[in-house]
Amino acid sequence: MYITIQAFKDMHGSKPLALDRIIKLVKEPTNRYDNEAIACEMRYFGKIGYVSNSVQTVAKGTMSAGRLYDKITDEYFAKIMFIIDNIAIAKVLSSAEFISEIENPESDLHYLSDNLESLDFKEE
């Protein structure tokens, strides 16, 4: 599954976006603008933007936040695969990819989650 991430232009711009970086996806059910909002967080930067949820911002071939929302747990992870300006296309990690990231002591995953062992990682 691929998603479009719209980074904040006024905060960090495209600065935090880098290929192969891990993004933490966090559901925001109380978001006042979109009850299917999924925030994107990165190591060193915190919240950098949101998973796109509009026909104007979702890249063709990627999943909107609304379509992804029920497929992930409250905290999930993706990896940046492509970048254009302040937009990134990220691949939602599968269980195998998640385990591989956990096994890598240098992975940003270790800095983005307080308790990796407690995560309920869904299968695709």
C-alpha atoms as a PDB file:
ATOM      1  CA  MET A   1       0.000   0.000   0.000  1.00  0.00           C
ATOM      2  CA  TYR A   2       1.297   3.417  -0.949  1.00  0.00           C
ATOM      3  CA  ILE A   3       0.177   6.767   0.472  1.00  0.00           C
ATOM      4  CA  THR A   4       0.690  10.431  -0.365  1.00  0.00           C
ATOM      5  CA  ILE A   5       2.102  12.579   2.412  1.00  0.00           C
ATOM      6  CA  GLN A   6       1.533  16.319   2.265  1.00  0.00           C
ATOM      7  CA  ALA A   7       4.260  18.010   4.342  1.00  0.00           C
ATOM      8  CA  PHE A   8       3.666  21.392   5.981  1.00  0.00           C
ATOM      9  CA  LYS A   9       5.054  24.112   3.700  1.00  0.00           C
ATOM     10  CA  ASP A  10       5.412  26.778   6.376  1.00  0.00           C
ATOM     11  CA  MET A  11       6.968  24.624   9.087  1.00  0.00           C
ATOM     12  CA  HIS A  12       9.780  22.505   7.680  1.00  0.00           C
ATOM     13  CA  GLY A  13       9.041  22.496   3.952  1.00  0.00           C
ATOM     14  CA  SER A  14      10.600  19.484   2.268  1.00  0.00           C
ATOM     15  CA  LYS A  15      13.610  19.525   4.617  1.00  0.00           C
ATOM     16  CA  PRO A  16      12.641  16.436   6.676  1.00  0.00           C
ATOM     17  CA  LEU A  17      11.682  14.419   3.613  1.00  0.00           C
ATOM     18  CA  ALA A  18      14.420  11.994   2.614  1.00  0.00           C
ATOM     19  CA  LEU A  19      14.312   8.689   0.780  1.00  0.00           C
ATOM     20  CA  ASP A  20      14.044   5.560   2.933  1.00  0.00           C
ATOM     21  CA  ARG A  21      13.196   7.543   6.090  1.00  0.00           C
ATOM     22  CA  ILE A  22      10.600   6.053   8.419  1.00  0.00           C
ATOM     23  CA  ILE A  23       7.362   7.953   9.040  1.00  0.00           C
ATOM     24  CA  LYS A  24       5.130   7.285  12.027  1.00  0.00           C
ATOM     25  CA  LEU A  25       1.434   7.403  11.119  1.00  0.00           C
ATOM     26  CA  VAL A  26      -0.847   8.493  13.956  1.00  0.00           C
ATOM     27  CA  LYS A  27      -4.638   8.525  13.723  1.00  0.00           C
ATOM     28  CA  GLU A  28      -6.286  11.761  14.874  1.00  0.00           C
ATOM     29  CA  PRO A  29      -9.988  10.876  15.348  1.00  0.00           C
ATOM     30  CA  THR A  30     -10.637  14.180  17.165  1.00  0.00           C
ATOM     31  CA  ASN A  31      -9.148  16.326  14.381  1.00  0.00           C
ATOM     32  CA  ARG A  32     -11.622  19.172  13.880  1.00  0.00           C
ATOM     33  CA  TYR A  33     -11.153  19.265  10.098  1.00  0.00           C
ATOM     34  CA  ASP A  34     -11.148  15.549   9.264  1.00  0.00           C
ATOM     35  CA  ASN A  35     -12.195  12.687  11.554  1.00  0.00           C
ATOM     36  CA  GLU A  36     -10.117  10.310   9.384  1.00  0.00           C
ATOM     37  CA  ALA A  37      -6.966  12.411   9.664  1.00  0.00           C
ATOM     38  CA  ILE A  38      -3.653  10.581   9.917  1.00  0.00           C
ATOM     39  CA  ALA A  39      -0.724  12.693  11.090  1.00  0.00           C
ATOM     40  CA  CYS A  40       2.827  11.973   9.945  1.00  0.00           C
ATOM     41  CA  GLU A  41       5.717  12.260  12.385  1.00  0.00           C
ATOM     42  CA  MET A  42       9.453  11.968  11.847  1.00  0.00           C
ATOM     43  CA  ARG A  43      12.485  11.682  14.069  1.00  0.00           C
ATOM     44  CA  TYR A  44      14.025  15.111  14.841  1.00  0.00           C
ATOM     45  CA  PHE A  45      11.057  17.002  13.350  1.00  0.00           C
ATOM     46  CA  GLY A  46       7.909  15.745  15.093  1.00  0.00           C
ATOM     47  CA  LYS A  47       4.719  16.249  13.090  1.00  0.00           C
ATOM     48  CA  ILE A  48       5.592  17.084   9.492  1.00  0.00           C
ATOM     49  CA  GLY A  49       2.181  16.836   7.823  1.00  0.00           C
ATOM     50  CA  TYR A  50      -0.704  14.500   7.040  1.00  0.00           C
ATOM     51  CA  VAL A  51      -1.631  11.606   4.803  1.00  0.00           C
ATOM     52  CA  SER A  52      -3.541  13.215   1.924  1.00  0.00           C
ATOM     53  CA  ASN A  53      -7.297  12.729   1.981  1.00  0.00           C
ATOM     54  CA  SER A  54      -8.577  14.851  -0.895  1.00  0.00           C
ATOM     55  CA  VAL A  55      -8.952  14.052  -4.603  1.00  0.00           C
ATOM     56  CA  GLN A  56      -6.854  17.169  -5.282  1.00  0.00           C
ATOM     57  CA  THR A  57      -3.911  15.999  -3.142  1.00  0.00           C
ATOM     58  CA  VAL A  58      -3.872  12.176  -3.314  1.00  0.00           C
ATOM     59  CA  ALA A  59      -1.403  11.026  -5.968  1.00  0.00           C
ATOM     60  CA  LYS A  60      -2.853   8.613  -8.516  1.00  0.00           C
ATOM     61  CA  GLY A  61      -2.208   5.026  -7.465  1.00  0.00           C
ATOM     62  CA  THR A  62      -1.919   5.834  -3.760  1.00  0.00           C
ATOM     63  CA  MET A  63      -4.395   5.358  -0.934  1.00  0.00           C
ATOM     64  CA  SER A  64      -6.170   8.277   0.757  1.00  0.00           C
ATOM     65  CA  ALA A  65      -6.225   8.651   4.544  1.00  0.00           C
ATOM     66  CA  GLY A  66      -9.903   7.650   4.509  1.00  0.00           C
ATOM     67  CA  ARG A  67      -9.161   4.378   2.700  1.00  0.00           C
ATOM     68  CA  LEU A  68      -6.151   3.658   4.918  1.00  0.00           C
ATOM     69  CA  TYR A  69      -7.771   4.586   8.237  1.00  0.00           C
ATOM     70  CA  ASP A  70      -9.474   1.243   8.967  1.00  0.00           C
ATOM     71  CA  LYS A  71      -6.537  -0.799   7.669  1.00  0.00           C
ATOM     72  CA  ILE A  72      -4.030   0.386  10.288  1.00  0.00           C
ATOM     73  CA  THR A  73      -3.783   0.556  14.070  1.00  0.00           C
ATOM     74  CA  ASP A  74      -3.656   3.864  15.962  1.00  0.00           C
ATOM     75  CA  GLU A  75       0.119   3.945  15.462  1.00  0.00           C
ATOM     76  CA  TYR A  76       1.662   2.562  12.277  1.00  0.00           C
ATOM     77  CA  PHE A  77       4.726   3.107  10.087  1.00  0.00           C
ATOM     78  CA  ALA A  78       5.645   3.824   6.469  1.00  0.00           C
ATOM     79  CA  LYS A  79       8.855   4.411   4.507  1.00  0.00           C
ATOM     80  CA  ILE A  80       9.410   7.287   2.075  1.00  0.00           C
ATOM     81  CA  MET A  81       9.942   5.985  -1.455  1.00  0.00           C
ATOM     82  CA  PHE A  82       9.571   9.097  -3.678  1.00  0.00           C
ATOM     83  CA  ILE A  83       9.712  12.864  -3.096  1.00  0.00           C
ATOM     84  CA  ILE A  84       8.514  15.795  -5.187  1.00  0.00           C
ATOM     85  CA  ASP A  85       8.753  19.234  -3.532  1.00  0.00           C
ATOM     86  CA  ASN A  86       6.820  18.974  -0.241  1.00  0.00           C
ATOM     87  CA  ILE A  87       4.989  15.780  -1.228  1.00  0.00           C
ATOM     88  CA  ALA A  88       6.219  12.265  -0.498  1.00  0.00           C
ATOM     89  CA  ILE A  89       4.971   8.898  -1.610  1.00  0.00           C
ATOM     90  CA  ALA A  90       5.469   6.349   1.164  1.00  0.00           C
ATOM     91  CA  LYS A  91       5.021   2.599   1.367  1.00  0.00           C
ATOM     92  CA  VAL A  92       3.089   1.376   4.392  1.00  0.00           C
ATOM     93  CA  LEU A  93       5.278  -1.227   6.094  1.00  0.00           C
ATOM     94  CA  SER A  94       4.213  -4.874   5.969  1.00  0.00           C
ATOM     95  CA  SER A  95       4.754  -7.086   9.013  1.00  0.00           C
ATOM     96  CA  ALA A  96       7.994  -8.450   7.544  1.00  0.00           C
ATOM     97  CA  GLU A  97       9.297  -4.954   6.776  1.00  0.00           C
ATOM     98  CA  PHE A  98       8.335  -3.806  10.268  1.00  0.00           C
ATOM     99  CA  ILE A  99      10.270  -6.699  11.844  1.00  0.00           C
ATOM    100  CA  SER A 100      13.258  -5.941   9.619  1.00  0.00           C
ATOM    101  CA  GLU A 101      13.207  -2.311  10.804  1.00  0.00           C
ATOM    102  CA  ILE A 102      13.031  -3.413  14.453  1.00  0.00           C
ATOM    103  CA  GLU A 103      16.072  -5.647  13.910  1.00  0.00           C
ATOM    104  CA  ASN A 104      18.031  -2.664  12.573  1.00  0.00           C
ATOM    105  CA  PRO A 105      19.362  -0.760  15.618  1.00  0.00           C
ATOM    106  CA  GLU A 106      19.891   2.343  13.434  1.00  0.00           C
ATOM    107  CA  SER A 107      16.254   2.494  12.287  1.00  0.00           C
ATOM    108  CA  ASP A 108      14.273   5.621  13.138  1.00  0.00           C
ATOM    109  CA  LEU A 109      11.525   3.255  14.266  1.00  0.00           C
ATOM    110  CA  HIS A 110      13.310   2.939  17.627  1.00  0.00           C
ATOM    111  CA  TYR A 111      13.026   6.699  18.181  1.00  0.00           C
ATOM    112  CA  LEU A 112       9.447   7.120  16.969  1.00  0.00           C
ATOM    113  CA  SER A 113       7.703   4.632  19.251  1.00  0.00           C
ATOM    114  CA  ASP A 114       7.951   4.370  23.028  1.00  0.00           C
ATOM    115  CA  ASN A 115       7.101   0.678  23.167  1.00  0.00           C
ATOM    116  CA  LEU A 116       7.535  -1.263  19.928  1.00  0.00           C
ATOM    117  CA  GLU A 117       6.719  -4.601  21.541  1.00  0.00           C
ATOM    118  CA  SER A 118       3.196  -3.448  22.434  1.00  0.00           C
ATOM    119  CA  LEU A 119       2.261  -2.475  18.885  1.00  0.00           C
ATOM    120  CA  ASP A 120      -0.507  -4.507  17.293  1.00  0.00           C
ATOM    121  CA  PHE A 121       0.837  -4.711  13.759  1.00  0.00           C
ATOM    122  CA  LYS A 122      -1.859  -5.745  11.248  1.00  0.00           C
ATOM    123  CA  GLU A 123      -1.170  -7.960   8.276  1.00  0.00           C
ATOM    124  CA  GLU A 124      -1.854  -6.518   4.814  1.00  0.00           C
END
